[in-house]
Amino acid sequence: LHGLAGDSTVWDGLDPGSCWDGPCVA
């Protein structure tokens, strides 16, 4: 979940597949 005035794209650099063994939604 992004912060105030942001949107889901702020998480684009995280690469959840490198640190989470499962599905991810933003």
PDB file of all heavy atoms in Angstrom:
ATOM      1  N   LEU A   1       0.830  -1.201   0.000  1.00  0.00           N
ATOM      2  CA  LEU A   1       0.000   0.000   0.000  1.00  0.00           C
ATOM      3  C   LEU A   1       0.869   1.257   0.000  1.00  0.00           C
ATOM      4  O   LEU A   1       1.703   1.435   0.888  1.00  0.00           O
ATOM      5  CB  LEU A   1      -0.922   0.006   1.223  1.00  0.00           C
ATOM      6  CG  LEU A   1      -1.874  -1.186   1.361  1.00  0.00           C
ATOM      7  CD1 LEU A   1      -2.708  -1.050   2.624  1.00  0.00           C
ATOM      8  CD2 LEU A   1      -2.772  -1.310   0.129  1.00  0.00           C
ATOM      9  N   HIS A   2       0.655   2.101  -0.967  1.00  0.00           N
ATOM     10  CA  HIS A   2       1.426   3.345  -1.106  1.00  0.00           C
ATOM     11  C   HIS A   2       0.945   4.402  -0.119  1.00  0.00           C
ATOM     12  O   HIS A   2      -0.059   4.231   0.587  1.00  0.00           O
ATOM     13  CB  HIS A   2       1.304   3.862  -2.535  1.00  0.00           C
ATOM     14  CG  HIS A   2      -0.107   4.223  -2.921  1.00  0.00           C
ATOM     15  ND1 HIS A   2      -0.693   5.421  -2.584  1.00  0.00           N
ATOM     16  CD2 HIS A   2      -1.055   3.524  -3.604  1.00  0.00           C
ATOM     17  CE1 HIS A   2      -1.928   5.462  -3.034  1.00  0.00           C
ATOM     18  NE2 HIS A   2      -2.179   4.324  -3.654  1.00  0.00           N
ATOM     19  N   GLY A   3       1.637   5.526  -0.094  1.00  0.00           N
ATOM     20  CA  GLY A   3       1.309   6.610   0.816  1.00  0.00           C
ATOM     21  C   GLY A   3       0.412   7.658   0.190  1.00  0.00           C
ATOM     22  O   GLY A   3      -0.011   7.549  -0.971  1.00  0.00           O
ATOM     23  N   LEU A   4       0.132   8.694   0.956  1.00  0.00           N
ATOM     24  CA  LEU A   4      -0.726   9.783   0.518  1.00  0.00           C
ATOM     25  C   LEU A   4      -0.161  10.459  -0.728  1.00  0.00           C
ATOM     26  O   LEU A   4       1.028  10.791  -0.778  1.00  0.00           O
ATOM     27  CB  LEU A   4      -0.865  10.800   1.653  1.00  0.00           C
ATOM     28  CG  LEU A   4      -1.752  12.015   1.402  1.00  0.00           C
ATOM     29  CD1 LEU A   4      -3.184  11.604   1.126  1.00  0.00           C
ATOM     30  CD2 LEU A   4      -1.701  12.962   2.603  1.00  0.00           C
ATOM     31  N   ALA A   5      -1.032  10.632  -1.717  1.00  0.00           N
ATOM     32  CA  ALA A   5      -0.704  11.286  -2.990  1.00  0.00           C
ATOM     33  C   ALA A   5       0.175  10.443  -3.900  1.00  0.00           C
ATOM     34  O   ALA A   5       0.565  10.895  -4.972  1.00  0.00           O
ATOM     35  CB  ALA A   5      -0.066  12.661  -2.778  1.00  0.00           C
ATOM     36  N   GLY A   6       0.483   9.219  -3.485  1.00  0.00           N
ATOM     37  CA  GLY A   6       1.230   8.319  -4.356  1.00  0.00           C
ATOM     38  C   GLY A   6       0.288   7.412  -5.133  1.00  0.00           C
ATOM     39  O   GLY A   6      -0.924   7.614  -5.172  1.00  0.00           O
ATOM     40  N   ASP A   7       0.840   6.395  -5.748  1.00  0.00           N
ATOM     41  CA  ASP A   7       0.034   5.354  -6.377  1.00  0.00           C
ATOM     42  C   ASP A   7       0.833   4.070  -6.369  1.00  0.00           C
ATOM     43  O   ASP A   7       1.959   4.015  -5.855  1.00  0.00           O
ATOM     44  CB  ASP A   7      -0.405   5.753  -7.795  1.00  0.00           C
ATOM     45  CG  ASP A   7       0.715   5.668  -8.829  1.00  0.00           C
ATOM     46  OD1 ASP A   7       1.908   5.738  -8.445  1.00  0.00           O
ATOM     47  OD2 ASP A   7       0.409   5.539 -10.023  1.00  0.00           O
ATOM     48  N   SER A   8       0.267   3.015  -6.923  1.00  0.00           N
ATOM     49  CA  SER A   8       0.884   1.689  -6.822  1.00  0.00           C
ATOM     50  C   SER A   8       2.262   1.609  -7.463  1.00  0.00           C
ATOM     51  O   SER A   8       3.075   0.744  -7.103  1.00  0.00           O
ATOM     52  CB  SER A   8      -0.034   0.639  -7.461  1.00  0.00           C
ATOM     53  OG  SER A   8      -0.259   0.937  -8.834  1.00  0.00           O
ATOM     54  N   THR A   9       2.579   2.513  -8.402  1.00  0.00           N
ATOM     55  CA  THR A   9       3.857   2.419  -9.117  1.00  0.00           C
ATOM     56  C   THR A   9       5.060   2.714  -8.223  1.00  0.00           C
ATOM     57  O   THR A   9       6.196   2.433  -8.627  1.00  0.00           O
ATOM     58  CB  THR A   9       3.881   3.366 -10.333  1.00  0.00           C
ATOM     59  OG1 THR A   9       3.759   4.725  -9.890  1.00  0.00           O
ATOM     60  CG2 THR A   9       2.732   3.049 -11.287  1.00  0.00           C
ATOM     61  N   VAL A  10       4.847   3.274  -7.029  1.00  0.00           N
ATOM     62  CA  VAL A  10       5.990   3.552  -6.160  1.00  0.00           C
ATOM     63  C   VAL A  10       6.694   2.268  -5.733  1.00  0.00           C
ATOM     64  O   VAL A  10       7.835   2.306  -5.259  1.00  0.00           O
ATOM     65  CB  VAL A  10       5.587   4.366  -4.916  1.00  0.00           C
ATOM     66  CG1 VAL A  10       5.009   5.709  -5.324  1.00  0.00           C
ATOM     67  CG2 VAL A  10       4.627   3.595  -4.022  1.00  0.00           C
ATOM     68  N   TRP A  11       6.016   1.127  -5.874  1.00  0.00           N
ATOM     69  CA  TRP A  11       6.603  -0.156  -5.476  1.00  0.00           C
ATOM     70  C   TRP A  11       7.308  -0.864  -6.624  1.00  0.00           C
ATOM     71  O   TRP A  11       7.799  -1.994  -6.444  1.00  0.00           O
ATOM     72  CB  TRP A  11       5.516  -1.074  -4.918  1.00  0.00           C
ATOM     73  CG  TRP A  11       4.846  -0.560  -3.688  1.00  0.00           C
ATOM     74  CD1 TRP A  11       3.605   0.003  -3.597  1.00  0.00           C
ATOM     75  CD2 TRP A  11       5.373  -0.555  -2.350  1.00  0.00           C
ATOM     76  NE1 TRP A  11       3.328   0.353  -2.290  1.00  0.00           N
ATOM     77  CE2 TRP A  11       4.393   0.024  -1.517  1.00  0.00           C
ATOM     78  CE3 TRP A  11       6.579  -0.981  -1.790  1.00  0.00           C
ATOM     79  CZ2 TRP A  11       4.583   0.194  -0.144  1.00  0.00           C
ATOM     80  CZ3 TRP A  11       6.776  -0.818  -0.431  1.00  0.00           C
ATOM     81  CH2 TRP A  11       5.781  -0.240   0.378  1.00  0.00           C
ATOM     82  N   ASP A  12       7.379  -0.241  -7.794  1.00  0.00           N
ATOM     83  CA  ASP A  12       7.903  -0.932  -8.977  1.00  0.00           C
ATOM     84  C   ASP A  12       9.328  -1.441  -8.791  1.00  0.00           C
ATOM     85  O   ASP A  12       9.709  -2.457  -9.371  1.00  0.00           O
ATOM     86  CB  ASP A  12       7.849  -0.006 -10.205  1.00  0.00           C
ATOM     87  CG  ASP A  12       6.441   0.152 -10.751  1.00  0.00           C
ATOM     88  OD1 ASP A  12       5.523  -0.550 -10.264  1.00  0.00           O
ATOM     89  OD2 ASP A  12       6.242   0.988 -11.655  1.00  0.00           O
ATOM     90  N   GLY A  13      10.140  -0.736  -8.003  1.00  0.00           N
ATOM     91  CA  GLY A  13      11.535  -1.149  -7.846  1.00  0.00           C
ATOM     92  C   GLY A  13      11.749  -2.256  -6.840  1.00  0.00           C
ATOM     93  O   GLY A  13      12.866  -2.784  -6.730  1.00  0.00           O
ATOM     94  N   LEU A  14      10.719  -2.632  -6.098  1.00  0.00           N
ATOM     95  CA  LEU A  14      10.909  -3.596  -5.017  1.00  0.00           C
ATOM     96  C   LEU A  14      11.240  -4.994  -5.509  1.00  0.00           C
ATOM     97  O   LEU A  14      12.017  -5.717  -4.879  1.00  0.00           O
ATOM     98  CB  LEU A  14       9.653  -3.637  -4.140  1.00  0.00           C
ATOM     99  CG  LEU A  14       9.709  -4.560  -2.924  1.00  0.00           C
ATOM    100  CD1 LEU A  14      10.832  -4.145  -1.973  1.00  0.00           C
ATOM    101  CD2 LEU A  14       8.365  -4.589  -2.190  1.00  0.00           C
ATOM    102  N   ASP A  15      10.652  -5.410  -6.650  1.00  0.00           N
ATOM    103  CA  ASP A  15      10.843  -6.768  -7.170  1.00  0.00           C
ATOM    104  C   ASP A  15      10.437  -7.794  -6.109  1.00  0.00           C
ATOM    105  O   ASP A  15      11.286  -8.501  -5.547  1.00  0.00           O
ATOM    106  CB  ASP A  15      12.296  -6.989  -7.585  1.00  0.00           C
ATOM    107  CG  ASP A  15      12.518  -8.357  -8.229  1.00  0.00           C
ATOM    108  OD1 ASP A  15      11.539  -8.976  -8.680  1.00  0.00           O
ATOM    109  OD2 ASP A  15      13.680  -8.816  -8.245  1.00  0.00           O
ATOM    110  N   PRO A  16       9.128  -7.905  -5.810  1.00  0.00           N
ATOM    111  CA  PRO A  16       8.678  -8.792  -4.727  1.00  0.00           C
ATOM    112  C   PRO A  16       9.119 -10.242  -4.885  1.00  0.00           C
ATOM    113  O   PRO A  16       9.324 -10.939  -3.889  1.00  0.00           O
ATOM    114  CB  PRO A  16       7.154  -8.659  -4.792  1.00  0.00           C
ATOM    115  CG  PRO A  16       6.903  -7.367  -5.462  1.00  0.00           C
ATOM    116  CD  PRO A  16       8.023  -7.199  -6.441  1.00  0.00           C
ATOM    117  N   GLY A  17       9.288 -10.681  -6.134  1.00  0.00           N
ATOM    118  CA  GLY A  17       9.694 -12.073  -6.346  1.00  0.00           C
ATOM    119  C   GLY A  17      11.037 -12.406  -5.738  1.00  0.00           C
ATOM    120  O   GLY A  17      11.335 -13.576  -5.480  1.00  0.00           O
ATOM    121  N   SER A  18      11.861 -11.376  -5.469  1.00  0.00           N
ATOM    122  CA  SER A  18      13.182 -11.611  -4.887  1.00  0.00           C
ATOM    123  C   SER A  18      13.127 -11.763  -3.371  1.00  0.00           C
ATOM    124  O   SER A  18      14.125 -12.147  -2.758  1.00  0.00           O
ATOM    125  CB  SER A  18      14.118 -10.446  -5.243  1.00  0.00           C
ATOM    126  OG  SER A  18      13.689  -9.243  -4.604  1.00  0.00           O
ATOM    127  N   CYS A  19      11.977 -11.454  -2.769  1.00  0.00           N
ATOM    128  CA  CYS A  19      11.911 -11.483  -1.307  1.00  0.00           C
ATOM    129  C   CYS A  19      10.608 -12.048  -0.767  1.00  0.00           C
ATOM    130  O   CYS A  19      10.419 -12.094   0.453  1.00  0.00           O
ATOM    131  CB  CYS A  19      12.132 -10.077  -0.739  1.00  0.00           C
ATOM    132  SG  CYS A  19      11.110  -8.784  -1.498  1.00  0.00           S
ATOM    133  N   TRP A  20       9.714 -12.488  -1.644  1.00  0.00           N
ATOM    134  CA  TRP A  20       8.424 -13.007  -1.194  1.00  0.00           C
ATOM    135  C   TRP A  20       8.048 -14.254  -1.983  1.00  0.00           C
ATOM    136  O   TRP A  20       8.020 -14.231  -3.205  1.00  0.00           O
ATOM    137  CB  TRP A  20       7.334 -11.938  -1.362  1.00  0.00           C
ATOM    138  CG  TRP A  20       5.993 -12.383  -0.850  1.00  0.00           C
ATOM    139  CD1 TRP A  20       4.936 -12.828  -1.589  1.00  0.00           C
ATOM    140  CD2 TRP A  20       5.580 -12.451   0.512  1.00  0.00           C
ATOM    141  NE1 TRP A  20       3.887 -13.149  -0.777  1.00  0.00           N
ATOM    142  CE2 TRP A  20       4.247 -12.930   0.525  1.00  0.00           C
ATOM    143  CE3 TRP A  20       6.207 -12.144   1.717  1.00  0.00           C
ATOM    144  CZ2 TRP A  20       3.538 -13.119   1.716  1.00  0.00           C
ATOM    145  CZ3 TRP A  20       5.504 -12.325   2.896  1.00  0.00           C
ATOM    146  CH2 TRP A  20       4.191 -12.808   2.890  1.00  0.00           C
ATOM    147  N   ASP A  21       7.751 -15.323  -1.291  1.00  0.00           N
ATOM    148  CA  ASP A  21       7.436 -16.610  -1.916  1.00  0.00           C
ATOM    149  C   ASP A  21       5.922 -16.755  -2.044  1.00  0.00           C
ATOM    150  O   ASP A  21       5.290 -17.546  -1.356  1.00  0.00           O
ATOM    151  CB  ASP A  21       8.012 -17.745  -1.065  1.00  0.00           C
ATOM    152  CG  ASP A  21       7.770 -19.114  -1.683  1.00  0.00           C
ATOM    153  OD1 ASP A  21       7.530 -19.168  -2.907  1.00  0.00           O
ATOM    154  OD2 ASP A  21       7.806 -20.117  -0.943  1.00  0.00           O
ATOM    155  N   GLY A  22       5.332 -15.973  -2.915  1.00  0.00           N
ATOM    156  CA  GLY A  22       3.891 -16.031  -3.079  1.00  0.00           C
ATOM    157  C   GLY A  22       3.388 -14.894  -3.939  1.00  0.00           C
ATOM    158  O   GLY A  22       4.167 -14.090  -4.463  1.00  0.00           O
ATOM    159  N   PRO A  23       2.069 -14.774  -4.083  1.00  0.00           N
ATOM    160  CA  PRO A  23       1.506 -13.696  -4.904  1.00  0.00           C
ATOM    161  C   PRO A  23       1.663 -12.337  -4.247  1.00  0.00           C
ATOM    162  O   PRO A  23       1.824 -12.233  -3.030  1.00  0.00           O
ATOM    163  CB  PRO A  23       0.032 -14.088  -5.028  1.00  0.00           C
ATOM    164  CG  PRO A  23      -0.252 -14.878  -3.786  1.00  0.00           C
ATOM    165  CD  PRO A  23       1.018 -15.634  -3.490  1.00  0.00           C
ATOM    166  N   CYS A  24       1.609 -11.302  -5.050  1.00  0.00           N
ATOM    167  CA  CYS A  24       1.755  -9.925  -4.551  1.00  0.00           C
ATOM    168  C   CYS A  24       0.819  -9.021  -5.345  1.00  0.00           C
ATOM    169  O   CYS A  24       0.700  -9.162  -6.568  1.00  0.00           O
ATOM    170  CB  CYS A  24       3.197  -9.464  -4.695  1.00  0.00           C
ATOM    171  SG  CYS A  24       3.469  -7.729  -4.215  1.00  0.00           S
ATOM    172  N   VAL A  25       0.162  -8.106  -4.652  1.00  0.00           N
ATOM    173  CA  VAL A  25      -0.680  -7.110  -5.315  1.00  0.00           C
ATOM    174  C   VAL A  25      -0.345  -5.734  -4.746  1.00  0.00           C
ATOM    175  O   VAL A  25       0.039  -5.612  -3.579  1.00  0.00           O
ATOM    176  CB  VAL A  25      -2.185  -7.396  -5.147  1.00  0.00           C
ATOM    177  CG1 VAL A  25      -2.564  -8.705  -5.818  1.00  0.00           C
ATOM    178  CG2 VAL A  25      -2.591  -7.405  -3.685  1.00  0.00           C
ATOM    179  N   ALA A  26      -0.486  -4.715  -5.577  1.00  0.00           N
ATOM    180  CA  ALA A  26      -0.224  -3.340  -5.141  1.00  0.00           C
ATOM    181  C   ALA A  26      -1.378  -2.468  -5.637  1.00  0.00           C
ATOM    182  O   ALA A  26      -1.269  -1.821  -6.682  1.00  0.00           O
ATOM    183  CB  ALA A  26       1.113  -2.845  -5.673  1.00  0.00           C
TER     184      ALA A  26
END
